[in-house]
N, C-alpha and C. Protein backbone atom coordinates (compact mmCIF):
# COMPACT_ATOMS: atom_id res chain seq x y z
N MET A 1 17.74 47.31 38.11
CA MET A 1 18.28 46.80 39.39
C MET A 1 17.68 45.75 40.17
N SER A 2 16.41 45.77 40.27
CA SER A 2 15.55 44.86 40.99
C SER A 2 15.89 43.44 40.10
N TRP A 3 15.93 43.42 38.86
CA TRP A 3 16.33 42.16 38.25
C TRP A 3 17.74 41.51 38.64
N ALA A 4 18.75 42.54 38.71
CA ALA A 4 19.83 42.02 39.07
C ALA A 4 20.02 41.68 40.48
N PHE A 5 19.21 42.33 41.33
CA PHE A 5 19.33 41.83 42.83
C PHE A 5 18.50 40.28 42.93
N ALA A 6 17.40 40.13 42.13
CA ALA A 6 16.81 38.79 41.96
C ALA A 6 17.59 37.76 41.56
N ASP A 7 18.45 37.92 40.65
CA ASP A 7 19.30 36.95 39.94
C ASP A 7 20.37 36.71 40.91
N ALA A 8 20.79 37.57 41.76
CA ALA A 8 21.94 37.31 42.64
C ALA A 8 21.39 36.78 44.03
N TYR A 9 20.23 36.83 44.27
CA TYR A 9 19.61 36.46 45.39
C TYR A 9 19.99 34.96 45.88
N GLY A 10 20.85 35.13 47.12
CA GLY A 10 21.13 33.73 47.85
C GLY A 10 22.46 33.15 47.15
N VAL A 11 22.98 33.91 46.38
CA VAL A 11 24.33 33.36 45.80
C VAL A 11 25.22 32.62 46.59
N GLU A 12 25.51 33.56 47.60
CA GLU A 12 26.45 33.19 48.79
C GLU A 12 26.24 31.53 49.35
N HIS A 13 24.80 31.48 49.35
CA HIS A 13 24.26 30.04 50.02
C HIS A 13 24.28 28.95 49.11
N ILE A 14 24.27 29.21 47.77
CA ILE A 14 23.84 28.15 46.53
C ILE A 14 25.34 27.80 45.96
N GLU A 15 26.26 29.02 45.80
CA GLU A 15 27.51 28.66 45.05
C GLU A 15 28.60 27.92 45.88
N ASP A 16 28.74 26.69 45.90
CA ASP A 16 29.84 26.25 46.48
C ASP A 16 31.03 25.97 45.85
N ALA A 17 31.99 25.41 46.30
CA ALA A 17 33.27 25.03 45.75
C ALA A 17 33.17 24.27 44.42
N ALA A 18 32.11 23.34 44.33
CA ALA A 18 32.12 22.51 43.05
C ALA A 18 31.28 23.26 42.13
N LEU A 19 30.43 24.43 42.29
CA LEU A 19 29.78 24.99 41.25
C LEU A 19 30.87 26.08 40.61
N ARG A 20 31.51 26.61 41.83
CA ARG A 20 32.56 27.58 41.34
C ARG A 20 33.48 26.89 40.37
N TRP A 21 34.02 25.70 40.54
CA TRP A 21 34.66 24.88 39.63
C TRP A 21 34.31 24.63 38.43
N ALA A 22 32.87 24.31 38.45
CA ALA A 22 32.33 23.83 37.05
C ALA A 22 32.27 25.18 36.36
N ARG A 23 31.82 26.31 36.99
CA ARG A 23 31.93 27.59 36.15
C ARG A 23 33.02 28.03 35.70
N GLU A 24 34.47 27.80 36.51
CA GLU A 24 35.52 27.94 35.89
C GLU A 24 35.90 27.21 34.68
N ARG A 25 35.56 25.95 34.77
CA ARG A 25 35.87 24.98 33.57
C ARG A 25 35.13 25.42 32.32
N ALA A 26 33.95 26.10 32.56
CA ALA A 26 33.04 26.48 31.54
C ALA A 26 33.62 27.91 30.96
N LEU A 27 33.89 28.68 31.69
CA LEU A 27 34.62 29.76 31.49
C LEU A 27 36.03 29.67 30.61
N GLU A 28 36.77 28.70 31.01
CA GLU A 28 37.97 28.35 30.19
C GLU A 28 37.71 27.65 28.97
N ALA A 29 36.47 26.99 28.72
CA ALA A 29 36.22 26.40 27.61
C ALA A 29 35.49 27.22 26.55
N GLY A 30 34.98 28.59 27.17
CA GLY A 30 34.42 29.42 26.40
C GLY A 30 32.85 28.91 26.14
N LEU A 31 32.30 28.34 27.15
CA LEU A 31 31.01 27.83 27.24
C LEU A 31 30.23 28.67 28.05
N PRO A 32 28.99 28.99 27.74
CA PRO A 32 28.01 29.74 28.65
C PRO A 32 27.53 28.75 29.65
N SER A 33 27.25 29.38 30.82
CA SER A 33 26.61 28.53 32.03
C SER A 33 25.45 29.27 32.75
N VAL A 34 24.46 28.77 33.20
CA VAL A 34 23.47 29.20 33.72
C VAL A 34 23.65 30.21 34.75
N SER A 35 22.86 31.50 34.84
CA SER A 35 23.30 32.28 36.14
C SER A 35 23.06 31.81 37.42
N SER A 36 23.35 32.27 38.52
CA SER A 36 22.99 31.93 39.71
C SER A 36 21.39 31.92 39.95
N GLY A 37 20.80 32.94 39.38
CA GLY A 37 19.28 33.15 39.41
C GLY A 37 18.62 32.14 38.70
N THR A 38 19.16 31.64 37.55
CA THR A 38 18.57 30.56 36.97
C THR A 38 18.69 29.51 37.66
N GLY A 39 19.98 29.15 38.31
CA GLY A 39 20.25 27.95 38.76
C GLY A 39 19.47 27.76 40.10
N SER A 40 19.12 28.77 40.72
CA SER A 40 18.26 28.82 41.96
C SER A 40 16.89 28.50 41.43
N ALA A 41 16.31 28.96 40.43
CA ALA A 41 14.96 28.66 39.91
C ALA A 41 14.76 26.97 39.55
N LEU A 42 15.91 26.71 38.84
CA LEU A 42 15.86 25.11 38.73
C LEU A 42 15.85 24.34 39.88
N ARG A 43 16.75 24.69 40.77
CA ARG A 43 16.51 23.91 42.30
C ARG A 43 15.12 23.82 42.54
N LEU A 44 14.79 25.08 42.68
CA LEU A 44 13.28 25.21 43.11
C LEU A 44 12.28 24.49 42.10
N LEU A 45 12.32 24.47 41.04
CA LEU A 45 11.42 23.71 40.19
C LEU A 45 11.37 22.35 40.36
N ALA A 46 12.85 21.76 40.40
CA ALA A 46 13.04 20.35 40.61
C ALA A 46 12.33 19.94 41.97
N ALA A 47 12.52 20.76 43.04
CA ALA A 47 11.88 20.47 44.31
C ALA A 47 10.43 20.37 44.20
N ALA A 48 10.14 21.41 43.78
CA ALA A 48 8.39 21.54 43.71
C ALA A 48 7.79 20.53 42.89
N VAL A 49 8.36 19.78 41.72
CA VAL A 49 7.98 18.62 41.49
C VAL A 49 8.09 17.34 42.00
N ASP A 50 9.06 17.39 43.13
CA ASP A 50 9.58 16.38 43.59
C ASP A 50 10.25 15.67 42.72
N ALA A 51 11.11 15.86 42.06
CA ALA A 51 11.60 15.35 40.67
C ALA A 51 12.47 14.05 41.14
N LYS A 52 12.15 12.83 40.45
CA LYS A 52 12.85 11.89 40.82
C LYS A 52 13.85 11.48 39.48
N ALA A 53 13.22 11.83 38.12
CA ALA A 53 13.93 11.65 36.98
C ALA A 53 13.77 12.93 36.10
N VAL A 54 15.00 13.28 35.83
CA VAL A 54 15.08 14.81 35.16
C VAL A 54 16.30 14.34 34.01
N ALA A 55 15.40 15.08 32.83
CA ALA A 55 16.25 15.01 31.70
C ALA A 55 16.98 16.37 31.36
N GLU A 56 18.31 16.38 30.95
CA GLU A 56 18.92 17.60 30.72
C GLU A 56 19.76 17.59 29.23
N ILE A 57 19.12 18.64 28.57
CA ILE A 57 19.76 18.62 27.12
C ILE A 57 20.93 19.81 27.05
N GLY A 58 22.16 19.22 27.29
CA GLY A 58 23.18 20.21 27.30
C GLY A 58 23.81 20.26 28.54
N THR A 59 24.67 19.25 28.80
CA THR A 59 25.45 19.10 29.97
C THR A 59 26.18 20.23 30.41
N GLY A 60 26.92 20.67 29.54
CA GLY A 60 28.18 21.59 29.56
C GLY A 60 29.12 21.01 30.68
N THR A 61 29.61 22.02 31.54
CA THR A 61 30.47 21.49 32.60
C THR A 61 29.84 21.15 33.81
N GLY A 62 28.40 20.87 33.89
CA GLY A 62 27.78 20.39 34.89
C GLY A 62 27.33 21.65 35.93
N VAL A 63 27.10 22.93 35.65
CA VAL A 63 26.64 23.90 36.56
C VAL A 63 25.06 23.57 36.65
N SER A 64 24.25 23.72 35.46
CA SER A 64 22.84 23.47 35.61
C SER A 64 22.58 22.05 36.25
N GLY A 65 23.35 20.95 35.90
CA GLY A 65 23.25 19.70 36.34
C GLY A 65 23.27 19.72 37.85
N LEU A 66 24.36 20.52 38.51
CA LEU A 66 24.52 20.29 40.09
C LEU A 66 23.36 21.04 40.56
N HIS A 67 22.71 22.34 40.05
CA HIS A 67 21.54 22.86 40.38
C HIS A 67 20.45 21.89 40.54
N LEU A 68 19.99 21.09 39.63
CA LEU A 68 18.98 20.22 39.52
C LEU A 68 19.18 19.19 40.32
N LEU A 69 20.39 18.64 40.53
CA LEU A 69 20.58 17.51 41.59
C LEU A 69 20.25 17.99 43.02
N HIS A 70 20.77 19.17 43.34
CA HIS A 70 20.40 19.66 44.57
C HIS A 70 19.04 19.97 44.89
N GLY A 71 18.19 20.12 43.84
CA GLY A 71 16.91 20.33 44.03
C GLY A 71 15.94 18.95 43.98
N MET A 72 16.46 17.79 43.37
CA MET A 72 15.91 16.46 43.26
C MET A 72 15.80 15.75 44.59
N ARG A 73 14.90 14.97 44.52
CA ARG A 73 15.07 13.83 45.59
C ARG A 73 16.30 13.17 45.67
N PRO A 74 16.48 12.61 46.95
CA PRO A 74 17.85 12.14 47.35
C PRO A 74 18.19 10.80 46.52
N ASP A 75 16.99 10.16 45.90
CA ASP A 75 17.19 9.16 45.01
C ASP A 75 16.99 9.26 43.53
N GLY A 76 16.95 10.67 43.18
CA GLY A 76 16.48 11.02 41.88
C GLY A 76 17.74 10.68 40.95
N VAL A 77 17.47 10.62 39.53
CA VAL A 77 18.46 10.46 38.75
C VAL A 77 18.44 11.54 37.66
N LEU A 78 19.70 11.98 37.42
CA LEU A 78 19.59 13.02 36.20
C LEU A 78 20.11 12.46 35.00
N THR A 79 19.27 12.38 33.85
CA THR A 79 19.95 12.03 32.61
C THR A 79 20.45 13.27 32.01
N THR A 80 21.55 13.11 31.35
CA THR A 80 22.06 14.51 30.80
C THR A 80 22.71 14.09 29.42
N VAL A 81 22.55 14.97 28.55
CA VAL A 81 22.78 14.89 27.21
C VAL A 81 23.75 15.77 26.47
N ASP A 82 24.85 15.39 25.94
CA ASP A 82 25.71 16.53 25.32
C ASP A 82 26.61 15.72 24.23
N SER A 83 26.82 16.51 23.13
CA SER A 83 27.65 16.04 22.07
C SER A 83 29.29 15.93 22.29
N ASP A 84 29.63 16.80 23.26
CA ASP A 84 30.94 16.68 23.96
C ASP A 84 31.16 16.13 25.11
N PRO A 85 31.89 14.77 24.80
CA PRO A 85 32.05 13.89 25.96
C PRO A 85 33.20 14.58 26.98
N GLU A 86 34.03 15.36 26.52
CA GLU A 86 34.97 15.99 27.26
C GLU A 86 34.34 16.83 28.39
N CYS A 87 33.33 17.84 28.08
CA CYS A 87 32.60 18.54 28.95
C CYS A 87 31.94 17.74 29.90
N GLN A 88 31.33 16.54 29.39
CA GLN A 88 30.71 15.60 30.18
C GLN A 88 31.61 15.18 31.46
N GLN A 89 32.86 14.71 31.21
CA GLN A 89 34.04 14.54 32.12
C GLN A 89 34.15 15.64 33.24
N PHE A 90 34.12 16.69 32.71
CA PHE A 90 34.07 18.12 33.79
C PHE A 90 33.01 17.88 34.74
N ALA A 91 31.64 17.46 34.18
CA ALA A 91 30.61 17.44 34.87
C ALA A 91 30.46 16.30 35.85
N ARG A 92 30.86 15.31 35.41
CA ARG A 92 31.19 14.21 36.33
C ARG A 92 31.95 14.35 37.54
N GLN A 93 33.17 15.15 37.23
CA GLN A 93 34.10 15.58 38.40
C GLN A 93 33.28 16.46 39.34
N ALA A 94 32.43 17.38 38.63
CA ALA A 94 31.91 18.54 39.66
C ALA A 94 30.76 17.62 40.51
N PHE A 95 30.02 16.77 39.90
CA PHE A 95 29.03 16.00 40.71
C PHE A 95 29.61 15.25 41.84
N ARG A 96 30.68 14.68 41.30
CA ARG A 96 31.69 13.87 42.82
C ARG A 96 31.93 14.80 43.56
N ALA A 97 32.58 15.99 43.29
CA ALA A 97 33.08 16.91 44.06
C ALA A 97 32.00 17.50 45.16
N ALA A 98 30.66 17.49 44.61
CA ALA A 98 29.62 18.06 45.61
C ALA A 98 28.89 16.80 46.26
N GLY A 99 29.69 15.63 46.14
CA GLY A 99 29.25 14.88 47.12
C GLY A 99 28.14 13.66 46.61
N PHE A 100 27.90 13.89 45.08
CA PHE A 100 26.73 13.01 44.65
C PHE A 100 27.16 11.63 44.24
N ALA A 101 26.50 10.47 44.58
CA ALA A 101 27.10 9.47 44.26
C ALA A 101 27.13 9.27 42.58
N GLY A 102 27.94 8.23 42.01
CA GLY A 102 28.08 8.26 40.66
C GLY A 102 26.78 7.57 39.93
N ASN A 103 25.97 7.05 40.81
CA ASN A 103 24.42 6.52 40.12
C ASN A 103 23.37 7.53 40.15
N ARG A 104 23.84 8.76 40.72
CA ARG A 104 22.76 9.89 40.64
C ARG A 104 22.69 10.49 39.14
N ALA A 105 23.57 10.28 38.35
CA ALA A 105 23.75 10.75 36.99
C ALA A 105 24.06 9.94 36.10
N ARG A 106 23.29 9.78 34.60
CA ARG A 106 23.44 8.90 33.67
C ARG A 106 23.88 9.96 32.65
N PHE A 107 25.29 10.00 32.25
CA PHE A 107 25.51 10.82 31.00
C PHE A 107 25.54 10.02 29.64
N ILE A 108 25.13 10.65 28.70
CA ILE A 108 24.79 10.06 27.29
C ILE A 108 25.63 11.26 26.50
N PRO A 109 26.52 10.56 25.80
CA PRO A 109 27.13 11.50 24.59
C PRO A 109 26.33 11.24 23.36
N GLY A 110 26.09 12.39 22.81
CA GLY A 110 25.58 12.40 21.42
C GLY A 110 24.69 13.48 21.27
N ARG A 111 24.26 13.79 19.93
CA ARG A 111 23.22 14.71 19.45
C ARG A 111 21.86 14.61 20.25
N ALA A 112 21.61 15.48 20.68
CA ALA A 112 20.08 15.64 21.56
C ALA A 112 19.02 14.81 20.63
N LEU A 113 18.90 15.17 19.46
CA LEU A 113 17.62 14.77 18.72
C LEU A 113 17.90 13.20 18.11
N GLU A 114 19.11 12.75 18.32
CA GLU A 114 19.39 11.17 18.34
C GLU A 114 19.22 10.59 19.60
N VAL A 115 19.25 11.20 20.63
CA VAL A 115 19.47 10.54 21.81
C VAL A 115 17.88 10.55 22.42
N LEU A 116 17.27 11.65 22.21
CA LEU A 116 16.01 11.81 23.14
C LEU A 116 14.79 10.64 22.56
N PRO A 117 14.86 10.47 21.34
CA PRO A 117 13.85 9.34 20.89
C PRO A 117 14.30 7.97 21.61
N ARG A 118 15.43 7.90 22.09
CA ARG A 118 15.45 6.54 23.07
C ARG A 118 15.09 6.57 24.39
N LEU A 119 14.68 7.71 24.98
CA LEU A 119 14.24 8.00 26.45
C LEU A 119 12.88 7.45 26.40
N ALA A 120 12.42 7.05 27.58
CA ALA A 120 11.10 6.51 27.90
C ALA A 120 9.90 7.64 27.76
N ASP A 121 9.01 7.10 27.01
CA ASP A 121 7.56 8.06 27.10
C ASP A 121 6.99 8.06 28.53
N GLY A 122 6.88 9.62 28.84
CA GLY A 122 6.31 9.81 30.07
C GLY A 122 6.94 9.47 31.59
N GLY A 123 8.26 9.34 31.04
CA GLY A 123 9.37 8.69 32.28
C GLY A 123 9.85 9.75 33.08
N TYR A 124 9.49 11.13 32.79
CA TYR A 124 10.35 12.22 33.44
C TYR A 124 9.57 13.38 33.96
N ASP A 125 9.90 13.71 35.20
CA ASP A 125 9.29 14.70 35.89
C ASP A 125 9.73 16.16 35.40
N LEU A 126 10.95 16.35 34.72
CA LEU A 126 11.35 17.70 34.52
C LEU A 126 12.18 17.61 33.18
N VAL A 127 12.13 18.23 32.10
CA VAL A 127 13.17 18.40 31.06
C VAL A 127 13.81 19.75 31.01
N PHE A 128 14.85 19.87 31.24
CA PHE A 128 15.62 21.12 30.95
C PHE A 128 16.33 21.09 29.64
N CYS A 129 15.99 22.31 28.77
CA CYS A 129 16.54 22.47 27.42
C CYS A 129 17.89 23.56 27.53
N ASP A 130 18.91 23.00 27.21
CA ASP A 130 19.95 24.21 27.07
C ASP A 130 20.99 23.89 26.14
N GLY A 131 20.38 23.38 24.90
CA GLY A 131 20.96 22.75 23.90
C GLY A 131 21.05 23.91 22.72
N ASP A 132 21.22 23.42 21.51
CA ASP A 132 21.18 24.19 20.38
C ASP A 132 19.71 24.78 20.26
N ARG A 133 19.86 26.20 20.08
CA ARG A 133 18.62 26.97 20.13
C ARG A 133 17.74 26.84 18.76
N LEU A 134 18.55 26.36 17.79
CA LEU A 134 17.97 26.05 16.50
C LEU A 134 17.01 24.78 16.60
N GLU A 135 17.26 24.11 17.70
CA GLU A 135 16.42 22.63 17.83
C GLU A 135 15.45 22.65 18.89
N TYR A 136 15.35 24.17 19.47
CA TYR A 136 14.41 23.99 20.41
C TYR A 136 12.93 23.56 20.48
N LEU A 137 12.48 23.87 19.03
CA LEU A 137 11.11 23.36 18.49
C LEU A 137 10.92 22.04 18.71
N ASP A 138 12.02 21.29 18.25
CA ASP A 138 12.39 19.82 18.17
C ASP A 138 12.26 19.22 19.56
N TYR A 139 13.01 20.05 20.59
CA TYR A 139 13.19 19.61 22.04
C TYR A 139 11.62 19.55 22.56
N LEU A 140 10.84 20.77 22.14
CA LEU A 140 9.63 20.72 22.85
C LEU A 140 8.73 19.61 22.37
N ALA A 141 8.70 18.78 20.97
CA ALA A 141 7.98 18.03 20.81
C ALA A 141 8.57 16.71 21.62
N GLU A 142 9.81 16.67 21.60
CA GLU A 142 10.30 15.47 22.46
C GLU A 142 10.05 15.63 24.05
N SER A 143 9.88 16.69 24.46
CA SER A 143 9.50 17.04 25.85
C SER A 143 8.31 16.42 26.21
N LEU A 144 7.28 16.97 25.33
CA LEU A 144 5.80 16.61 25.52
C LEU A 144 5.69 15.06 25.78
N ARG A 145 6.64 14.48 24.96
CA ARG A 145 6.45 12.97 25.09
C ARG A 145 7.05 12.42 26.05
N LEU A 146 8.11 12.91 26.59
CA LEU A 146 9.13 12.50 27.87
C LEU A 146 8.36 12.77 29.01
N LEU A 147 7.80 13.97 29.29
CA LEU A 147 6.98 14.18 30.42
C LEU A 147 5.75 13.46 30.95
N ARG A 148 5.73 13.31 32.23
CA ARG A 148 4.48 12.87 32.82
C ARG A 148 3.51 13.88 32.99
N PRO A 149 2.31 13.58 33.03
CA PRO A 149 1.37 14.68 33.35
C PRO A 149 1.87 15.29 34.58
N GLY A 150 1.68 16.54 34.71
CA GLY A 150 2.08 17.54 35.83
C GLY A 150 3.63 17.63 35.96
N GLY A 151 4.38 17.32 34.69
CA GLY A 151 5.81 17.44 34.71
C GLY A 151 6.08 18.77 34.09
N LEU A 152 7.47 19.36 34.46
CA LEU A 152 7.82 20.71 33.78
C LEU A 152 8.92 20.40 32.62
N VAL A 153 8.66 21.39 31.61
CA VAL A 153 9.74 21.56 30.66
C VAL A 153 10.24 22.98 30.67
N CYS A 154 11.64 23.11 30.68
CA CYS A 154 12.04 24.55 30.95
C CYS A 154 13.07 24.71 29.53
N PHE A 155 13.03 26.00 29.41
CA PHE A 155 13.97 26.34 28.01
C PHE A 155 14.76 27.60 28.70
N GLU A 156 16.24 27.52 28.57
CA GLU A 156 17.18 28.46 28.90
C GLU A 156 17.35 29.36 27.82
N GLY A 157 17.61 30.74 28.14
CA GLY A 157 18.18 31.51 27.07
C GLY A 157 17.20 32.14 26.11
N VAL A 158 15.80 32.25 26.49
CA VAL A 158 15.05 32.81 25.29
C VAL A 158 14.83 34.33 25.47
N PHE A 159 15.56 34.97 25.94
CA PHE A 159 15.50 36.45 25.79
C PHE A 159 16.85 36.49 24.69
N ALA A 160 17.72 35.66 24.58
CA ALA A 160 18.79 35.99 23.48
C ALA A 160 19.40 37.06 23.61
N ASP A 161 19.99 37.38 24.97
CA ASP A 161 20.81 38.93 25.22
C ASP A 161 19.55 40.06 24.60
N GLY A 162 18.36 39.83 25.00
CA GLY A 162 17.41 40.85 24.37
C GLY A 162 17.01 41.07 23.15
N ARG A 163 17.52 40.15 22.06
CA ARG A 163 17.37 40.02 20.73
C ARG A 163 15.83 39.64 20.55
N THR A 164 15.34 38.76 21.41
CA THR A 164 14.08 38.26 21.30
C THR A 164 12.92 39.35 21.09
N VAL A 165 13.14 40.35 21.84
CA VAL A 165 12.09 41.44 21.73
C VAL A 165 12.50 42.66 20.98
N ASP A 166 13.66 42.50 20.45
CA ASP A 166 14.08 43.59 19.43
C ASP A 166 13.38 43.71 18.04
N THR A 167 13.16 44.80 17.72
CA THR A 167 12.20 45.09 16.48
C THR A 167 13.16 44.80 15.19
N ALA A 168 14.49 44.75 15.43
CA ALA A 168 15.39 44.58 14.21
C ALA A 168 15.07 43.32 13.65
N ALA A 169 15.44 42.94 12.28
CA ALA A 169 15.17 41.67 11.46
C ALA A 169 15.97 40.72 12.41
N PRO A 170 15.16 39.62 12.76
CA PRO A 170 15.87 38.59 13.74
C PRO A 170 16.83 37.47 12.92
N PRO A 171 17.86 37.13 13.41
CA PRO A 171 18.47 36.06 12.82
C PRO A 171 17.66 34.74 13.21
N ALA A 172 18.09 33.68 12.48
CA ALA A 172 17.38 32.20 12.61
C ALA A 172 17.06 31.93 13.75
N GLU A 173 18.31 31.97 14.94
CA GLU A 173 17.90 31.35 16.30
C GLU A 173 16.87 32.30 16.98
N VAL A 174 16.80 33.64 16.76
CA VAL A 174 15.77 34.23 17.40
C VAL A 174 14.13 34.02 16.80
N GLN A 175 14.36 33.76 15.55
CA GLN A 175 13.07 33.35 14.94
C GLN A 175 12.57 31.91 15.52
N HIS A 176 13.38 31.06 15.74
CA HIS A 176 12.97 29.83 16.67
C HIS A 176 12.45 30.10 17.68
N LEU A 177 13.24 31.06 18.55
CA LEU A 177 12.86 31.18 19.97
C LEU A 177 11.37 32.01 20.00
N ARG A 178 11.40 32.88 19.15
CA ARG A 178 9.89 33.60 18.96
C ARG A 178 8.95 32.57 18.76
N GLU A 179 9.16 31.48 17.83
CA GLU A 179 8.16 30.53 17.48
C GLU A 179 7.94 29.85 18.64
N LEU A 180 8.97 29.36 19.39
CA LEU A 180 8.80 28.75 20.57
C LEU A 180 7.99 29.24 21.81
N LEU A 181 8.17 30.58 21.71
CA LEU A 181 7.14 31.44 22.59
C LEU A 181 5.97 31.33 22.33
N ARG A 182 5.71 31.27 21.09
CA ARG A 182 4.39 31.36 20.60
C ARG A 182 3.55 30.10 20.96
N LEU A 183 4.25 29.10 20.15
CA LEU A 183 3.85 27.64 20.50
C LEU A 183 3.45 27.23 22.06
N VAL A 184 4.27 27.59 23.04
CA VAL A 184 4.13 27.36 24.26
C VAL A 184 3.13 27.95 24.85
N ARG A 185 2.96 29.36 24.72
CA ARG A 185 1.86 30.27 25.02
C ARG A 185 0.46 29.74 24.58
N GLU A 186 0.39 29.20 23.06
CA GLU A 186 -0.92 28.81 22.41
C GLU A 186 -1.20 27.38 22.83
N SER A 187 -0.09 26.51 23.49
CA SER A 187 -0.47 25.20 23.53
C SER A 187 -1.72 24.83 24.59
N THR A 188 -2.36 23.90 24.30
CA THR A 188 -3.78 23.55 25.05
C THR A 188 -3.07 22.47 26.07
N VAL A 189 -1.92 22.00 26.10
CA VAL A 189 -1.55 21.03 26.90
C VAL A 189 -0.42 21.47 27.96
N LEU A 190 -0.04 22.91 27.74
CA LEU A 190 0.95 23.26 28.64
C LEU A 190 0.48 24.47 29.30
N LEU A 191 0.95 24.61 30.65
CA LEU A 191 0.57 25.93 31.47
C LEU A 191 1.92 26.58 31.59
N PRO A 192 2.16 27.86 30.80
CA PRO A 192 3.40 28.37 30.60
C PRO A 192 3.72 29.55 31.67
N SER A 193 5.20 29.99 31.90
CA SER A 193 5.38 31.12 32.45
C SER A 193 6.58 31.38 31.93
N LEU A 194 6.99 32.58 31.77
CA LEU A 194 8.46 33.17 31.65
C LEU A 194 8.99 33.91 32.63
N LEU A 195 10.16 33.28 33.06
CA LEU A 195 10.77 33.69 34.34
C LEU A 195 11.87 34.95 33.93
N PRO A 196 12.00 35.80 34.66
CA PRO A 196 12.97 36.97 34.08
C PRO A 196 14.23 36.61 35.03
N VAL A 197 14.90 35.60 34.82
CA VAL A 197 16.40 35.20 35.54
C VAL A 197 17.09 34.80 34.61
N GLY A 198 18.41 35.12 34.78
CA GLY A 198 19.36 35.06 33.66
C GLY A 198 18.87 35.72 32.34
N ASP A 199 19.23 34.68 31.21
CA ASP A 199 18.83 35.12 29.94
C ASP A 199 17.56 34.68 29.61
N GLY A 200 16.43 34.53 30.48
CA GLY A 200 15.22 34.23 30.45
C GLY A 200 14.95 32.61 30.64
N LEU A 201 14.20 32.23 31.39
CA LEU A 201 13.63 30.83 31.44
C LEU A 201 12.22 30.60 31.24
N LEU A 202 12.08 29.93 30.29
CA LEU A 202 10.64 29.78 29.81
C LEU A 202 10.28 28.34 30.38
N CYS A 203 9.22 28.22 31.37
CA CYS A 203 9.02 27.09 31.94
C CYS A 203 7.27 26.87 31.52
N ALA A 204 7.09 25.55 31.58
CA ALA A 204 5.65 25.03 31.37
C ALA A 204 5.22 23.95 31.90
N VAL A 205 3.99 23.69 32.45
CA VAL A 205 3.63 22.34 33.21
C VAL A 205 2.83 21.52 32.04
N ARG A 206 3.16 20.54 32.08
CA ARG A 206 2.29 19.54 31.36
C ARG A 206 1.10 19.02 31.83
N ARG A 207 -0.01 19.50 31.38
CA ARG A 207 -1.31 19.28 31.93
C ARG A 207 -1.64 17.99 31.95
N GLY A 208 -2.40 17.32 32.55
CA GLY A 208 -2.76 15.90 32.78
C GLY A 208 -3.72 15.59 31.73
C-alpha cells in the first residue's frame, strides 16, 4: 500500500495533457511507459544534477522524455535514441504540445549500440536506459564513458515484474538484470541506489 501511494504521489500535479496524450499513444502501440512515480523520480534526478545534457535510450512515445525535460535546465538538450522513428514522431509532437522548443530535443533513430559510440565522451549529466534489457550491460559500459564525473545513470524496469528476485530459473533477460545489479553494486566508480518506484529504477552516480 505504501509503495502504491509513493508511486502515485503528486500525479495530478505532473501528469499534464501532453503526458496523458503520450501515454495514450504508448498504450495504443502496445509499448510500456514509465510510471508516474518513476517519471517524478526522473524529474528530481535531472534537477538534482542540474542536467544540461541528457541521453535517453528508448524514446518510446515521449513519456520519460517529457519528465526528463521538465527536470532539466531551461537550456538543456535531451538526446533520445530509438530504433522506431514512428514512435519518435509521437514524442516530438508530445514535446511540442508541452511547450518545449524544437531545439530542446535531438532525436536519433537507430539501434542504441550503434548510436551511443558516436556520442561525446564525458558529455552528459544523466543517461537514462529504457531499451532492450538484454543490452543493459552494454549500456552500462557506454554510460560510464558518456557521463561526466558526478553524473547519473539510471536503468528502468530492473524488477522485471518481480522476476528479478524470484527463485525460479530465470529467463535470459532476468539473468542480465541480475548481473547488472551485481556489477553496479560492486563497481568502484559508481555509487548506487535501487529506487522502489514503478518496475524498479536502478540509479548510480559516477564518482569523480
